[in-house]
Amino acid sequence: MPGKGLEDIIAAETSVSDIDGKQGRLFYVGYDIHELVASTFEEIVYLLHNVELPTKAQIEEVGEQLTNERELDDFVEGLMPTLVEQTSPMSMLRTSVSAMSAHDPDGWDQSSAANYRKAMRLIARFPTVIASFNRLRNGDRVVKPNPKLSHAANLLWMLFDREPEEEIARILDICLILHADHTMNASTFAARVAASTLADIHSATTAAIATLKGPLHGGANEAVMKTLLEIGSIDKVDEIVKAKLGAKEKIMGFGHRVYKTEDPRATHLRELSKRIGEMVGDTRWYEMSRKMEEVVMEEKGLYPNVDFYAASVYYSMGIPVDLFTPIFAASRVAGWTAHIREQYADNRLIRPESAYVGPPHRSYVPIDQRG
């Protein structure tokens, strides 16, 4: 019988991404992530959805598609103030994406072309939803998308109402590339299960967001930053981390179900954490993270995963901690929608069996005959 959590079970065939856990390598459609960090998020969107890297003309086309679809429709825009008062950022994102389906121009058209357009809209609008929510809850005016900026730079523009430095925008761009897909993780599996019922792409994406909201999948990057803030200074790292480990407390951001060595995404995020710390003149979060990494490796033999250094990168950009997971989603929606479309293209309802472990089969006893 399969182990709990379906570990090592092949649930689908995919051409979207691949992992070599022993060697610590990640591939998008056959391309090594170590090479793809030289590209842009827009290129990755095209690659995941079209199985080939774009030509110059094709990247201009996909860039234009994403730029033209950034604005929220009136229905979702009107919903935002209500969501600000009642919910968390991830719940807001989940509800907003579900609401988008009501006014999508392609409606219930489930053709491949229509679903491609829907995917581009979803990818384009995630940053707008996230930034709008954050500004509304802070009592600030919503900043409209800037068509002159890249996907990553526009997200920072809408969050902070100023054009970001080119290097900071590039760092976020690389973060989006690194988070864009990761084979059959929990949220991608949820998206494919929903898609296998022929639920629409918004519903399947909503299922993915709802799954990412769980702290065992999304939220680890937020937990990492909360731990860093709790520790406060590098001279306390050794003592506090060892005390937490001694108390059997889980240190988030370490270990991975698939990788048996360092997560290749963490390799790049470590360097990005150092770079942005130096840029903003505050390297303490990077330095504390490095010290934490040393202590956890020494005590537990665990490598950092994608969430660990992402925390200090985002925090050094000035991004609020509770937006870390929504920004993860703003990247991963590229992969989710690619998987959903792949599921539609060669579909069979995902319906696994379960092993019954309850009481033996028995006869019903009328209520007046029970003791």
Protein backbone atom coordinates (compact mmCIF):
# COMPACT_ATOMS: atom_id res chain seq x y z
CA MET A 1 0.00 0.00 0.00
CA PRO A 2 1.31 3.53 -0.75
CA GLY A 3 2.75 5.45 2.19
CA LYS A 4 0.91 8.37 3.72
CA GLY A 5 1.00 11.49 1.57
CA LEU A 6 1.26 9.42 -1.64
CA GLU A 7 5.06 9.64 -1.42
CA ASP A 8 6.80 8.25 -4.53
CA ILE A 9 3.45 7.63 -6.28
CA ILE A 10 3.30 8.78 -9.92
CA ALA A 11 0.05 10.72 -10.20
CA ALA A 12 0.40 12.11 -13.74
CA GLU A 13 2.63 12.45 -16.77
CA THR A 14 3.79 16.00 -17.40
CA SER A 15 6.09 17.93 -19.70
CA VAL A 16 5.92 21.09 -17.58
CA SER A 17 8.72 20.46 -15.07
CA ASP A 18 11.02 17.78 -13.72
CA ILE A 19 13.15 17.27 -10.59
CA ASP A 20 16.29 15.23 -10.03
CA GLY A 21 16.15 15.01 -6.24
CA LYS A 22 19.45 13.19 -5.83
CA GLN A 23 21.42 15.70 -7.88
CA GLY A 24 19.42 18.71 -6.72
CA ARG A 25 18.30 19.83 -10.18
CA LEU A 26 15.08 21.40 -11.45
CA PHE A 27 14.03 21.64 -15.09
CA TYR A 28 11.24 23.58 -16.79
CA VAL A 29 10.26 21.81 -20.02
CA GLY A 30 13.76 20.32 -20.20
CA TYR A 31 15.71 23.51 -19.40
CA ASP A 32 17.82 23.63 -16.22
CA ILE A 33 16.70 26.28 -13.72
CA HIS A 34 20.35 27.32 -13.32
CA GLU A 35 20.25 28.47 -16.95
CA LEU A 36 16.71 29.85 -16.90
CA VAL A 37 17.51 32.42 -14.21
CA ALA A 38 19.16 34.38 -17.02
CA SER A 39 15.75 34.76 -18.68
CA THR A 40 12.65 36.71 -17.60
CA PHE A 41 9.38 35.69 -15.99
CA GLU A 42 7.59 36.53 -19.24
CA GLU A 43 9.83 34.05 -21.07
CA ILE A 44 9.07 31.40 -18.46
CA VAL A 45 5.32 31.96 -18.86
CA TYR A 46 5.67 31.40 -22.59
CA LEU A 47 7.90 28.34 -22.10
CA LEU A 48 5.59 26.61 -19.62
CA HIS A 49 2.55 27.13 -21.83
CA ASN A 50 4.12 26.55 -25.24
CA VAL A 51 6.86 23.96 -24.55
CA GLU A 52 9.50 26.05 -26.35
CA LEU A 53 11.42 29.21 -25.57
CA PRO A 54 9.94 32.22 -27.37
CA THR A 55 11.41 34.05 -30.31
CA LYS A 56 11.81 37.80 -30.01
CA ALA A 57 8.45 38.31 -31.73
CA GLN A 58 6.76 35.75 -29.49
CA ILE A 59 8.11 37.26 -26.26
CA GLU A 60 6.88 40.66 -27.39
CA GLU A 61 3.46 39.13 -28.03
CA VAL A 62 3.20 37.41 -24.64
CA GLY A 63 4.51 40.54 -22.91
CA GLU A 64 1.80 42.57 -24.62
CA GLN A 65 -0.85 40.00 -23.65
CA LEU A 66 0.15 40.14 -20.00
CA THR A 67 0.39 43.94 -19.99
CA ASN A 68 -3.03 44.37 -21.61
CA GLU A 69 -4.74 42.06 -19.09
CA ARG A 70 -3.50 43.62 -15.83
CA GLU A 71 -6.58 45.72 -15.07
CA LEU A 72 -9.23 44.15 -12.83
CA ASP A 73 -12.82 44.10 -14.02
CA ASP A 74 -15.32 46.34 -12.23
CA PHE A 75 -16.88 43.42 -10.33
CA VAL A 76 -13.62 42.27 -8.72
CA GLU A 77 -12.48 45.86 -8.17
CA GLY A 78 -15.73 46.58 -6.35
CA LEU A 79 -15.32 43.46 -4.24
CA MET A 80 -11.88 44.43 -2.95
CA PRO A 81 -12.92 46.93 -0.22
CA THR A 82 -15.23 44.30 1.29
CA LEU A 83 -12.48 41.68 1.28
CA VAL A 84 -10.03 44.05 2.95
CA GLU A 85 -12.31 44.35 5.96
CA GLN A 86 -13.00 40.65 6.38
CA THR A 87 -10.16 38.42 5.30
CA SER A 88 -6.46 37.51 5.03
CA PRO A 89 -4.35 38.08 1.90
CA MET A 90 -4.53 34.44 0.75
CA SER A 91 -8.28 34.24 1.36
CA MET A 92 -8.63 37.49 -0.56
CA LEU A 93 -6.66 36.08 -3.49
CA ARG A 94 -8.69 32.86 -3.51
CA THR A 95 -12.00 34.74 -3.46
CA SER A 96 -10.90 37.27 -6.08
CA VAL A 97 -9.81 34.57 -8.53
CA SER A 98 -13.10 32.75 -8.08
CA ALA A 99 -14.95 36.03 -8.70
CA MET A 100 -12.96 36.70 -11.88
CA SER A 101 -14.67 33.77 -13.57
CA ALA A 102 -18.04 35.54 -13.43
CA HIS A 103 -16.94 38.24 -15.88
CA ASP A 104 -14.22 36.56 -17.92
CA PRO A 105 -14.61 37.55 -21.60
CA ASP A 106 -14.28 33.91 -22.67
CA GLY A 107 -17.01 32.81 -20.29
CA TRP A 108 -17.53 29.05 -20.32
CA ASP A 109 -15.56 28.48 -23.52
CA GLN A 110 -13.33 25.50 -22.70
CA SER A 111 -11.39 25.45 -25.97
CA SER A 112 -7.61 25.35 -25.75
CA ALA A 113 -7.32 28.86 -27.21
CA ALA A 114 -9.83 30.27 -24.72
CA ASN A 115 -8.09 28.60 -21.78
CA TYR A 116 -4.76 30.02 -22.94
CA ARG A 117 -6.28 33.52 -22.89
CA LYS A 118 -7.80 32.86 -19.45
CA ALA A 119 -4.41 31.68 -18.18
CA MET A 120 -2.75 34.90 -19.39
CA ARG A 121 -5.44 36.96 -17.64
CA LEU A 122 -4.93 35.11 -14.39
CA ILE A 123 -1.15 35.48 -14.52
CA ALA A 124 -1.48 39.18 -15.40
CA ARG A 125 -3.99 39.99 -12.65
CA PHE A 126 -2.55 38.21 -9.62
CA PRO A 127 -0.12 41.11 -8.92
CA THR A 128 -2.92 43.66 -9.33
CA VAL A 129 -5.12 41.86 -6.81
CA ILE A 130 -2.30 41.49 -4.28
CA ALA A 131 -1.09 45.08 -4.54
CA SER A 132 -4.62 46.54 -4.51
CA PHE A 133 -5.51 44.60 -1.37
CA ASN A 134 -2.38 45.75 0.42
CA ARG A 135 -2.88 49.40 -0.41
CA LEU A 136 -6.56 49.39 0.49
CA ARG A 137 -5.94 47.82 3.89
CA ASN A 138 -3.33 50.50 4.60
CA GLY A 139 -5.73 53.27 3.65
CA ASP A 140 -3.77 54.16 0.52
CA ARG A 141 -5.09 54.75 -2.97
CA VAL A 142 -4.88 51.84 -5.39
CA VAL A 143 -2.05 52.23 -7.92
CA LYS A 144 -3.01 51.28 -11.46
CA PRO A 145 -0.74 48.98 -13.50
CA ASN A 146 2.07 50.63 -15.44
CA PRO A 147 2.14 49.31 -19.03
CA LYS A 148 5.73 50.45 -19.48
CA LEU A 149 7.05 48.09 -16.80
CA SER A 150 7.84 44.38 -16.78
CA HIS A 151 5.69 41.93 -14.84
CA ALA A 152 8.01 42.02 -11.80
CA ALA A 153 8.65 45.76 -11.89
CA ASN A 154 4.94 46.46 -12.24
CA LEU A 155 4.18 44.43 -9.11
CA LEU A 156 6.62 46.56 -7.10
CA TRP A 157 5.24 49.73 -8.71
CA MET A 158 1.68 48.86 -7.65
CA LEU A 159 2.78 47.91 -4.13
CA PHE A 160 4.86 50.99 -3.37
CA ASP A 161 3.61 53.69 -5.79
CA ARG A 162 7.08 54.30 -7.17
CA GLU A 163 9.12 52.85 -9.99
CA PRO A 164 11.55 50.31 -8.54
CA GLU A 165 15.29 50.35 -9.06
CA GLU A 166 16.16 48.19 -12.04
CA GLU A 167 18.29 45.82 -9.97
CA ILE A 168 15.58 45.28 -7.34
CA ALA A 169 13.01 44.59 -10.06
CA ARG A 170 15.45 42.11 -11.59
CA ILE A 171 15.85 40.31 -8.25
CA LEU A 172 12.07 39.93 -7.96
CA ASP A 173 11.97 38.75 -11.57
CA ILE A 174 14.41 35.95 -10.70
CA CYS A 175 12.33 35.06 -7.65
CA LEU A 176 9.27 34.70 -9.88
CA ILE A 177 11.25 32.48 -12.26
CA LEU A 178 12.41 30.25 -9.41
CA HIS A 179 8.89 29.77 -8.02
CA ALA A 180 7.04 29.32 -11.33
CA ASP A 181 6.63 25.54 -11.18
CA HIS A 182 7.76 22.53 -9.17
CA THR A 183 6.25 19.30 -10.51
CA MET A 184 3.48 17.58 -8.53
CA ASN A 185 3.40 19.63 -5.34
CA ALA A 186 0.20 19.74 -3.28
CA SER A 187 -1.34 22.82 -4.94
CA THR A 188 -0.53 21.62 -8.46
CA PHE A 189 -2.02 18.23 -7.66
CA ALA A 190 -5.16 19.93 -6.34
CA ALA A 191 -5.38 22.00 -9.52
CA ARG A 192 -5.05 18.91 -11.72
CA VAL A 193 -7.63 16.97 -9.69
CA ALA A 194 -10.10 19.84 -10.14
CA ALA A 195 -9.23 20.15 -13.84
CA SER A 196 -9.76 16.40 -14.30
CA THR A 197 -13.44 16.91 -13.46
CA LEU A 198 -13.49 19.49 -16.31
CA ALA A 199 -14.02 22.29 -13.81
CA ASP A 200 -13.13 25.62 -15.44
CA ILE A 201 -9.62 27.06 -15.16
CA HIS A 202 -10.65 29.63 -12.52
CA SER A 203 -12.10 26.88 -10.32
CA ALA A 204 -8.99 24.72 -10.68
CA THR A 205 -6.76 27.71 -9.90
CA THR A 206 -8.91 28.53 -6.88
CA ALA A 207 -8.39 24.95 -5.66
CA ALA A 208 -4.64 25.46 -6.00
CA ILE A 209 -4.71 28.72 -4.02
CA ALA A 210 -6.82 27.11 -1.29
CA THR A 211 -4.24 24.33 -1.04
CA LEU A 212 -1.27 26.71 -1.00
CA LYS A 213 -2.96 28.53 1.89
CA GLY A 214 -2.26 25.54 4.15
CA PRO A 215 0.83 26.11 6.34
CA LEU A 216 2.42 22.79 5.36
CA HIS A 217 2.62 23.96 1.73
CA GLY A 218 2.52 27.75 1.52
CA GLY A 219 3.36 30.01 4.44
CA ALA A 220 6.79 28.55 5.20
CA ASN A 221 8.50 31.69 3.88
CA GLU A 222 6.38 33.79 6.24
CA ALA A 223 7.25 31.48 9.15
CA VAL A 224 10.96 31.82 8.33
CA MET A 225 10.78 35.61 8.52
CA LYS A 226 8.83 35.50 11.77
CA THR A 227 11.59 33.32 13.23
CA LEU A 228 14.27 35.75 12.04
CA LEU A 229 12.36 38.67 13.56
CA GLU A 230 11.92 36.73 16.81
CA ILE A 231 15.66 36.03 17.02
CA GLY A 232 16.47 39.64 16.22
CA SER A 233 20.27 39.54 15.98
CA ILE A 234 22.98 37.22 14.73
CA ASP A 235 24.51 36.69 18.18
CA LYS A 236 21.28 35.01 19.35
CA VAL A 237 20.88 32.64 16.40
CA ASP A 238 22.90 29.74 17.78
CA GLU A 239 21.24 29.75 21.20
CA ILE A 240 17.64 30.20 20.04
CA VAL A 241 17.77 27.79 17.10
CA LYS A 242 19.36 25.07 19.23
CA ALA A 243 16.75 25.66 21.94
CA LYS A 244 13.96 25.32 19.40
CA LEU A 245 15.44 22.13 18.01
CA GLY A 246 15.93 20.78 21.51
CA ALA A 247 12.25 21.42 22.21
CA LYS A 248 11.37 19.45 19.04
CA GLU A 249 10.12 22.64 17.41
CA LYS A 250 10.14 22.59 13.62
CA ILE A 251 12.36 25.19 11.98
CA MET A 252 10.61 26.17 8.77
CA GLY A 253 12.51 26.56 5.52
CA PHE A 254 14.60 23.40 5.82
CA GLY A 255 14.33 19.97 4.26
CA HIS A 256 12.30 18.82 1.29
CA ARG A 257 10.26 15.74 0.38
CA VAL A 258 12.04 15.34 -2.97
CA TYR A 259 15.50 16.91 -2.73
CA LYS A 260 18.16 14.83 -0.98
CA THR A 261 20.68 17.64 -1.35
CA GLU A 262 20.42 21.42 -1.64
CA ASP A 263 17.34 22.79 -3.37
CA PRO A 264 18.70 24.46 -6.54
CA ARG A 265 16.33 27.37 -6.03
CA ALA A 266 17.83 28.02 -2.59
CA THR A 267 21.27 28.31 -4.20
CA HIS A 268 20.11 31.33 -6.19
CA LEU A 269 17.96 32.82 -3.44
CA ARG A 270 20.92 32.77 -1.03
CA GLU A 271 22.87 34.94 -3.47
CA LEU A 272 19.86 37.21 -4.05
CA SER A 273 19.47 37.67 -0.29
CA LYS A 274 23.06 38.83 -0.06
CA ARG A 275 22.73 41.12 -3.10
CA ILE A 276 19.60 42.89 -1.97
CA GLY A 277 20.88 43.22 1.59
CA GLU A 278 23.96 45.00 0.25
CA MET A 279 21.79 47.15 -2.04
CA VAL A 280 19.54 48.41 0.77
CA GLY A 281 22.41 48.71 3.24
CA ASP A 282 21.13 46.10 5.69
CA THR A 283 22.65 42.61 5.44
CA ARG A 284 21.60 41.37 8.89
CA TRP A 285 18.76 39.20 7.57
CA TYR A 286 21.11 37.53 5.12
CA GLU A 287 23.79 37.11 7.78
CA MET A 288 21.29 35.69 10.29
CA SER A 289 19.97 33.34 7.63
CA ARG A 290 23.48 32.11 6.86
CA LYS A 291 24.06 31.46 10.55
CA MET A 292 20.73 29.64 10.88
CA GLU A 293 21.64 27.51 7.89
CA GLU A 294 24.94 26.54 9.53
CA VAL A 295 23.29 25.63 12.85
CA VAL A 296 20.50 23.57 11.29
CA MET A 297 22.96 21.73 9.04
CA GLU A 298 25.21 21.01 12.02
CA GLU A 299 22.36 19.87 14.28
CA LYS A 300 19.96 18.19 11.84
CA GLY A 301 21.79 17.74 8.55
CA LEU A 302 19.02 19.58 6.66
CA TYR A 303 19.50 21.83 3.63
CA PRO A 304 17.55 25.06 3.12
CA ASN A 305 14.64 24.91 0.69
CA VAL A 306 13.13 27.56 -1.57
CA ASP A 307 11.27 29.26 1.28
CA PHE A 308 14.26 29.92 3.52
CA TYR A 309 16.14 32.64 1.65
CA ALA A 310 13.03 33.90 -0.14
CA ALA A 311 11.95 35.32 3.23
CA SER A 312 14.91 37.67 3.64
CA VAL A 313 14.78 38.65 -0.04
CA TYR A 314 11.15 39.75 0.13
CA TYR A 315 11.54 41.42 3.51
CA SER A 316 14.54 43.42 2.32
CA MET A 317 12.37 44.68 -0.55
CA GLY A 318 9.91 46.05 1.99
CA ILE A 319 7.21 43.49 1.17
CA PRO A 320 4.90 42.78 4.15
CA VAL A 321 5.39 39.31 5.63
CA ASP A 322 1.81 38.20 5.05
CA LEU A 323 2.19 38.91 1.32
CA PHE A 324 5.06 36.44 0.88
CA THR A 325 2.73 33.52 0.10
CA PRO A 326 0.46 35.52 -2.24
CA ILE A 327 3.58 36.57 -4.18
CA PHE A 328 4.60 32.90 -4.31
CA ALA A 329 1.16 32.31 -5.86
CA ALA A 330 1.68 35.19 -8.31
CA SER A 331 4.61 33.22 -9.68
CA ARG A 332 3.21 29.69 -9.34
CA VAL A 333 0.03 30.58 -11.24
CA ALA A 334 2.16 30.28 -14.38
CA GLY A 335 2.81 26.63 -13.54
CA TRP A 336 -0.67 25.90 -12.20
CA THR A 337 -2.35 27.09 -15.37
CA ALA A 338 0.14 25.19 -17.55
CA HIS A 339 -0.65 21.99 -15.62
CA ILE A 340 -4.39 22.63 -15.82
CA ARG A 341 -4.23 23.05 -19.59
CA GLU A 342 -2.05 19.95 -19.86
CA GLN A 343 -4.65 17.99 -17.85
CA TYR A 344 -7.46 19.18 -20.13
CA ALA A 345 -5.49 18.12 -23.22
CA ASP A 346 -5.23 14.46 -22.20
CA ASN A 347 -7.81 14.02 -19.49
CA ARG A 348 -8.99 11.17 -17.33
CA LEU A 349 -10.86 11.80 -14.09
CA ILE A 350 -8.42 11.49 -11.18
CA ARG A 351 -10.14 9.08 -8.82
CA PRO A 352 -7.78 7.04 -6.60
CA GLU A 353 -8.85 4.27 -4.24
CA SER A 354 -8.66 4.32 -0.45
CA ALA A 355 -7.79 1.57 2.03
CA TYR A 356 -10.61 1.15 4.55
CA VAL A 357 -9.38 0.89 8.17
CA GLY A 358 -12.69 1.37 10.02
CA PRO A 359 -14.84 -1.12 11.97
CA PRO A 360 -15.78 -4.41 10.25
CA HIS A 361 -18.96 -4.43 8.15
CA ARG A 362 -22.02 -4.69 10.41
CA SER A 363 -25.82 -4.55 10.48
CA TYR A 364 -27.92 -1.49 11.19
CA VAL A 365 -29.78 -1.57 14.54
CA PRO A 366 -32.96 0.57 14.91
CA ILE A 367 -32.53 3.37 17.43
CA ASP A 368 -35.11 1.97 19.90
CA GLN A 369 -33.16 -1.30 20.09
CA ARG A 370 -29.81 0.28 20.93
CA GLY A 371 -28.53 0.30 24.47
